[in-house]
Amino acid sequence: MTAMIPDAAREAIEAAAFRRLTALLRHRTDVQNVDLMGVGGFCRNCLSDWLAEAATERGVSLTKDDARELVYGMTYADYKARHQTPATDAQLAAMAASVAKNRAEPA
């Protein structure tokens, strides 16, 4: 049975969990986006896109670049220069297979 949590408390709890997730992703620069995509079908860029979309739905202006800076803790260009490595064929294949599972993504 799901606990009944007031909407404001639920949103605060979700926001805290999201901040913890982004802090972990900022710390784990050894985990490439292609690896996240290969296992979970989403990555840091997806989180950024979801932030920008949620902002737009609420009438808040947030560009994808600004959303990426919120997720990465720096500009995307800086992150790529510091931490991103070329994807291997195996990583790309795993990503394609994982992303295919998202086609029936829940709302």
N, C-alpha and C. Protein backbone atom coordinates (compact mmCIF):
# COMPACT_ATOMS: atom_id res chain seq x y z
N MET A 1 0.85 -1.18 0.00
CA MET A 1 0.00 0.00 0.00
C MET A 1 0.90 1.25 0.00
N THR A 2 0.58 2.19 -0.85
CA THR A 2 1.34 3.42 -0.96
C THR A 2 0.92 4.39 0.14
N ALA A 3 1.90 4.95 0.82
CA ALA A 3 1.61 5.93 1.86
C ALA A 3 1.01 7.18 1.24
N MET A 4 0.10 7.79 1.93
CA MET A 4 -0.50 9.04 1.47
C MET A 4 0.41 10.18 1.92
N ILE A 5 1.01 10.84 0.96
CA ILE A 5 1.92 11.95 1.24
C ILE A 5 1.31 13.19 0.61
N PRO A 6 1.21 14.27 1.35
CA PRO A 6 0.70 15.51 0.75
C PRO A 6 1.54 15.92 -0.46
N ASP A 7 0.90 16.52 -1.45
CA ASP A 7 1.59 16.88 -2.69
C ASP A 7 2.85 17.71 -2.45
N ALA A 8 2.78 18.70 -1.58
CA ALA A 8 3.94 19.57 -1.34
C ALA A 8 5.09 18.76 -0.74
N ALA A 9 4.79 17.87 0.16
CA ALA A 9 5.83 17.04 0.77
C ALA A 9 6.40 16.07 -0.27
N ARG A 10 5.54 15.48 -1.08
CA ARG A 10 5.99 14.57 -2.13
C ARG A 10 6.93 15.28 -3.09
N GLU A 11 6.55 16.48 -3.52
CA GLU A 11 7.40 17.25 -4.43
C GLU A 11 8.74 17.61 -3.79
N ALA A 12 8.75 17.94 -2.52
CA ALA A 12 10.00 18.25 -1.82
C ALA A 12 10.88 17.01 -1.71
N ILE A 13 10.27 15.87 -1.44
CA ILE A 13 11.00 14.61 -1.35
C ILE A 13 11.58 14.24 -2.72
N GLU A 14 10.77 14.37 -3.76
CA GLU A 14 11.25 14.08 -5.11
C GLU A 14 12.39 15.02 -5.51
N ALA A 15 12.26 16.28 -5.17
CA ALA A 15 13.32 17.25 -5.48
C ALA A 15 14.61 16.90 -4.76
N ALA A 16 14.51 16.48 -3.50
CA ALA A 16 15.71 16.09 -2.75
C ALA A 16 16.35 14.85 -3.37
N ALA A 17 15.54 13.90 -3.79
CA ALA A 17 16.07 12.70 -4.44
C ALA A 17 16.73 13.06 -5.77
N PHE A 18 16.14 13.98 -6.52
CA PHE A 18 16.73 14.42 -7.79
C PHE A 18 18.07 15.11 -7.55
N ARG A 19 18.14 15.96 -6.53
CA ARG A 19 19.41 16.63 -6.23
C ARG A 19 20.47 15.60 -5.84
N ARG A 20 20.08 14.58 -5.13
CA ARG A 20 21.04 13.53 -4.77
C ARG A 20 21.50 12.77 -6.01
N LEU A 21 20.58 12.48 -6.91
CA LEU A 21 20.93 11.80 -8.16
C LEU A 21 21.91 12.64 -8.98
N THR A 22 21.62 13.92 -9.15
CA THR A 22 22.52 14.75 -9.94
C THR A 22 23.88 14.91 -9.27
N ALA A 23 23.91 14.97 -7.94
CA ALA A 23 25.20 15.03 -7.24
C ALA A 23 26.01 13.76 -7.49
N LEU A 24 25.35 12.62 -7.47
CA LEU A 24 26.03 11.36 -7.74
C LEU A 24 26.54 11.31 -9.18
N LEU A 25 25.74 11.75 -10.12
CA LEU A 25 26.16 11.75 -11.52
C LEU A 25 27.32 12.71 -11.75
N ARG A 26 27.35 13.82 -11.03
CA ARG A 26 28.48 14.75 -11.14
C ARG A 26 29.75 14.12 -10.58
N HIS A 27 29.59 13.35 -9.52
CA HIS A 27 30.73 12.68 -8.89
C HIS A 27 31.25 11.53 -9.76
N ARG A 28 30.35 10.78 -10.38
CA ARG A 28 30.73 9.59 -11.14
C ARG A 28 30.98 9.92 -12.60
N THR A 29 31.96 10.78 -12.82
CA THR A 29 32.32 11.15 -14.19
C THR A 29 32.93 9.99 -14.95
N ASP A 30 33.30 8.91 -14.24
CA ASP A 30 33.81 7.72 -14.91
C ASP A 30 32.70 6.96 -15.63
N VAL A 31 31.46 7.21 -15.27
CA VAL A 31 30.33 6.56 -15.92
C VAL A 31 29.89 7.46 -17.07
N GLN A 32 30.13 7.00 -18.28
CA GLN A 32 29.80 7.77 -19.47
C GLN A 32 28.29 7.76 -19.73
N ASN A 33 27.80 8.79 -20.41
CA ASN A 33 26.39 8.81 -20.78
C ASN A 33 26.01 7.59 -21.59
N VAL A 34 26.87 7.14 -22.48
CA VAL A 34 26.57 5.98 -23.29
C VAL A 34 26.41 4.74 -22.41
N ASP A 35 27.15 4.67 -21.29
CA ASP A 35 26.99 3.56 -20.35
C ASP A 35 25.63 3.63 -19.66
N LEU A 36 25.25 4.83 -19.23
CA LEU A 36 23.93 5.01 -18.62
C LEU A 36 22.82 4.62 -19.60
N MET A 37 22.99 5.06 -20.85
CA MET A 37 22.00 4.71 -21.88
C MET A 37 21.96 3.21 -22.10
N GLY A 38 23.12 2.56 -22.07
CA GLY A 38 23.20 1.13 -22.31
C GLY A 38 22.53 0.30 -21.23
N VAL A 39 22.52 0.81 -20.02
CA VAL A 39 21.93 0.06 -18.91
C VAL A 39 20.50 0.51 -18.63
N GLY A 40 20.30 1.82 -18.56
CA GLY A 40 19.01 2.32 -18.14
C GLY A 40 18.17 2.98 -19.20
N GLY A 41 18.75 3.22 -20.38
CA GLY A 41 17.99 3.84 -21.44
C GLY A 41 17.81 5.34 -21.26
N PHE A 42 18.57 5.94 -20.35
CA PHE A 42 18.55 7.39 -20.16
C PHE A 42 19.93 7.82 -19.70
N CYS A 43 20.19 9.13 -19.81
CA CYS A 43 21.49 9.65 -19.40
C CYS A 43 21.33 11.06 -18.85
N ARG A 44 22.44 11.69 -18.60
CA ARG A 44 22.42 13.06 -18.08
C ARG A 44 21.70 14.01 -19.04
N ASN A 45 21.90 13.81 -20.33
CA ASN A 45 21.22 14.67 -21.30
C ASN A 45 19.71 14.47 -21.26
N CYS A 46 19.28 13.24 -21.05
CA CYS A 46 17.84 12.98 -20.92
C CYS A 46 17.28 13.73 -19.72
N LEU A 47 17.97 13.65 -18.58
CA LEU A 47 17.51 14.38 -17.40
C LEU A 47 17.41 15.87 -17.69
N SER A 48 18.40 16.38 -18.40
CA SER A 48 18.39 17.80 -18.77
C SER A 48 17.19 18.13 -19.65
N ASP A 49 16.93 17.28 -20.64
CA ASP A 49 15.79 17.50 -21.52
C ASP A 49 14.48 17.46 -20.74
N TRP A 50 14.37 16.52 -19.81
CA TRP A 50 13.15 16.41 -19.00
C TRP A 50 12.97 17.65 -18.12
N LEU A 51 14.06 18.20 -17.59
CA LEU A 51 13.97 19.43 -16.82
C LEU A 51 13.46 20.58 -17.69
N ALA A 52 14.04 20.73 -18.87
CA ALA A 52 13.64 21.81 -19.77
C ALA A 52 12.17 21.65 -20.17
N GLU A 53 11.75 20.43 -20.46
CA GLU A 53 10.35 20.18 -20.84
C GLU A 53 9.40 20.48 -19.69
N ALA A 54 9.77 20.06 -18.48
CA ALA A 54 8.92 20.32 -17.31
C ALA A 54 8.81 21.82 -17.04
N ALA A 55 9.91 22.53 -17.24
CA ALA A 55 9.88 23.99 -17.06
C ALA A 55 8.94 24.62 -18.07
N THR A 56 9.07 24.22 -19.33
CA THR A 56 8.21 24.77 -20.39
C THR A 56 6.74 24.51 -20.08
N GLU A 57 6.43 23.29 -19.63
CA GLU A 57 5.03 22.94 -19.28
C GLU A 57 4.48 23.82 -18.17
N ARG A 58 5.38 24.38 -17.35
CA ARG A 58 4.96 25.22 -16.24
C ARG A 58 5.16 26.70 -16.52
N GLY A 59 5.46 27.02 -17.78
CA GLY A 59 5.60 28.42 -18.17
C GLY A 59 6.90 29.06 -17.73
N VAL A 60 7.91 28.23 -17.43
CA VAL A 60 9.22 28.73 -16.99
C VAL A 60 10.20 28.57 -18.14
N SER A 61 10.96 29.62 -18.40
CA SER A 61 11.95 29.57 -19.47
C SER A 61 13.22 28.90 -18.97
N LEU A 62 13.56 27.77 -19.55
CA LEU A 62 14.79 27.05 -19.22
C LEU A 62 15.28 26.39 -20.50
N THR A 63 16.38 26.88 -21.02
CA THR A 63 16.91 26.30 -22.24
C THR A 63 17.52 24.94 -21.94
N LYS A 64 17.71 24.16 -23.00
CA LYS A 64 18.36 22.86 -22.81
C LYS A 64 19.79 23.05 -22.31
N ASP A 65 20.48 24.07 -22.78
CA ASP A 65 21.84 24.32 -22.30
C ASP A 65 21.85 24.66 -20.81
N ASP A 66 20.91 25.49 -20.38
CA ASP A 66 20.82 25.83 -18.96
C ASP A 66 20.46 24.61 -18.13
N ALA A 67 19.56 23.78 -18.64
CA ALA A 67 19.18 22.56 -17.94
C ALA A 67 20.37 21.61 -17.83
N ARG A 68 21.15 21.52 -18.89
CA ARG A 68 22.34 20.66 -18.83
C ARG A 68 23.32 21.16 -17.79
N GLU A 69 23.46 22.47 -17.67
CA GLU A 69 24.36 23.02 -16.66
C GLU A 69 23.86 22.68 -15.26
N LEU A 70 22.54 22.65 -15.06
CA LEU A 70 22.00 22.24 -13.77
C LEU A 70 22.34 20.78 -13.46
N VAL A 71 22.27 19.92 -14.46
CA VAL A 71 22.53 18.49 -14.25
C VAL A 71 24.03 18.22 -14.14
N TYR A 72 24.82 18.80 -15.04
CA TYR A 72 26.26 18.52 -15.07
C TYR A 72 27.05 19.30 -14.03
N GLY A 73 26.51 20.41 -13.55
CA GLY A 73 27.25 21.25 -12.62
C GLY A 73 28.29 22.12 -13.32
N MET A 74 28.24 22.16 -14.64
CA MET A 74 29.13 22.96 -15.48
C MET A 74 28.52 22.95 -16.87
N THR A 75 29.07 23.72 -17.77
CA THR A 75 28.53 23.69 -19.13
C THR A 75 28.78 22.30 -19.73
N TYR A 76 27.94 21.95 -20.66
CA TYR A 76 28.08 20.65 -21.32
C TYR A 76 29.41 20.58 -22.07
N ALA A 77 29.81 21.68 -22.70
CA ALA A 77 31.08 21.70 -23.42
C ALA A 77 32.25 21.44 -22.47
N ASP A 78 32.22 22.05 -21.29
CA ASP A 78 33.28 21.81 -20.31
C ASP A 78 33.28 20.35 -19.85
N TYR A 79 32.09 19.82 -19.59
CA TYR A 79 32.00 18.42 -19.15
C TYR A 79 32.58 17.48 -20.21
N LYS A 80 32.17 17.69 -21.45
CA LYS A 80 32.66 16.84 -22.53
C LYS A 80 34.18 16.91 -22.64
N ALA A 81 34.73 18.11 -22.55
CA ALA A 81 36.17 18.27 -22.68
C ALA A 81 36.92 17.60 -21.52
N ARG A 82 36.33 17.62 -20.34
CA ARG A 82 37.00 17.07 -19.16
C ARG A 82 36.80 15.57 -18.98
N HIS A 83 35.61 15.07 -19.34
CA HIS A 83 35.25 13.72 -18.90
C HIS A 83 34.78 12.75 -19.98
N GLN A 84 34.32 13.24 -21.10
CA GLN A 84 33.72 12.32 -22.08
C GLN A 84 34.79 11.67 -22.94
N THR A 85 34.64 10.38 -23.14
CA THR A 85 35.55 9.61 -23.99
C THR A 85 34.77 9.08 -25.18
N PRO A 86 35.45 8.73 -26.25
CA PRO A 86 34.74 8.18 -27.41
C PRO A 86 34.03 6.87 -27.06
N ALA A 87 32.85 6.70 -27.60
CA ALA A 87 32.08 5.48 -27.35
C ALA A 87 32.63 4.34 -28.19
N THR A 88 32.62 3.15 -27.59
CA THR A 88 33.05 1.96 -28.32
C THR A 88 31.86 1.38 -29.08
N ASP A 89 32.13 0.49 -30.00
CA ASP A 89 31.05 -0.18 -30.73
C ASP A 89 30.17 -0.97 -29.76
N ALA A 90 30.77 -1.60 -28.76
CA ALA A 90 30.00 -2.37 -27.77
C ALA A 90 29.08 -1.46 -26.96
N GLN A 91 29.57 -0.30 -26.56
CA GLN A 91 28.75 0.66 -25.82
C GLN A 91 27.58 1.14 -26.67
N LEU A 92 27.85 1.44 -27.93
CA LEU A 92 26.79 1.91 -28.82
C LEU A 92 25.74 0.83 -29.06
N ALA A 93 26.16 -0.42 -29.18
CA ALA A 93 25.22 -1.52 -29.38
C ALA A 93 24.35 -1.70 -28.14
N ALA A 94 24.97 -1.65 -26.96
CA ALA A 94 24.21 -1.78 -25.71
C ALA A 94 23.21 -0.64 -25.57
N MET A 95 23.63 0.56 -25.94
CA MET A 95 22.75 1.72 -25.88
C MET A 95 21.55 1.53 -26.81
N ALA A 96 21.79 1.10 -28.03
CA ALA A 96 20.70 0.90 -29.00
C ALA A 96 19.70 -0.12 -28.49
N ALA A 97 20.19 -1.21 -27.92
CA ALA A 97 19.30 -2.25 -27.41
C ALA A 97 18.49 -1.73 -26.22
N SER A 98 19.13 -0.96 -25.35
CA SER A 98 18.45 -0.44 -24.18
C SER A 98 17.42 0.61 -24.57
N VAL A 99 17.77 1.50 -25.47
CA VAL A 99 16.86 2.55 -25.90
C VAL A 99 15.63 1.93 -26.58
N ALA A 100 15.81 0.83 -27.28
CA ALA A 100 14.68 0.17 -27.92
C ALA A 100 13.64 -0.26 -26.90
N LYS A 101 14.09 -0.60 -25.70
CA LYS A 101 13.15 -1.00 -24.64
C LYS A 101 12.32 0.19 -24.14
N ASN A 102 12.78 1.40 -24.40
CA ASN A 102 12.06 2.59 -23.94
C ASN A 102 10.90 2.97 -24.85
N ARG A 103 10.77 2.33 -25.96
CA ARG A 103 9.70 2.73 -26.90
C ARG A 103 8.32 2.66 -26.28
N ALA A 104 8.15 1.81 -25.29
CA ALA A 104 6.87 1.72 -24.57
C ALA A 104 6.99 2.41 -23.22
N GLU A 105 7.73 3.55 -23.22
CA GLU A 105 8.00 4.30 -21.97
C GLU A 105 6.70 4.70 -21.28
N PRO A 106 6.65 4.48 -19.97
CA PRO A 106 5.47 4.92 -19.23
C PRO A 106 5.43 6.44 -19.13
N ALA A 107 4.26 6.97 -18.94
CA ALA A 107 4.09 8.44 -18.83
C ALA A 107 4.64 8.95 -17.54
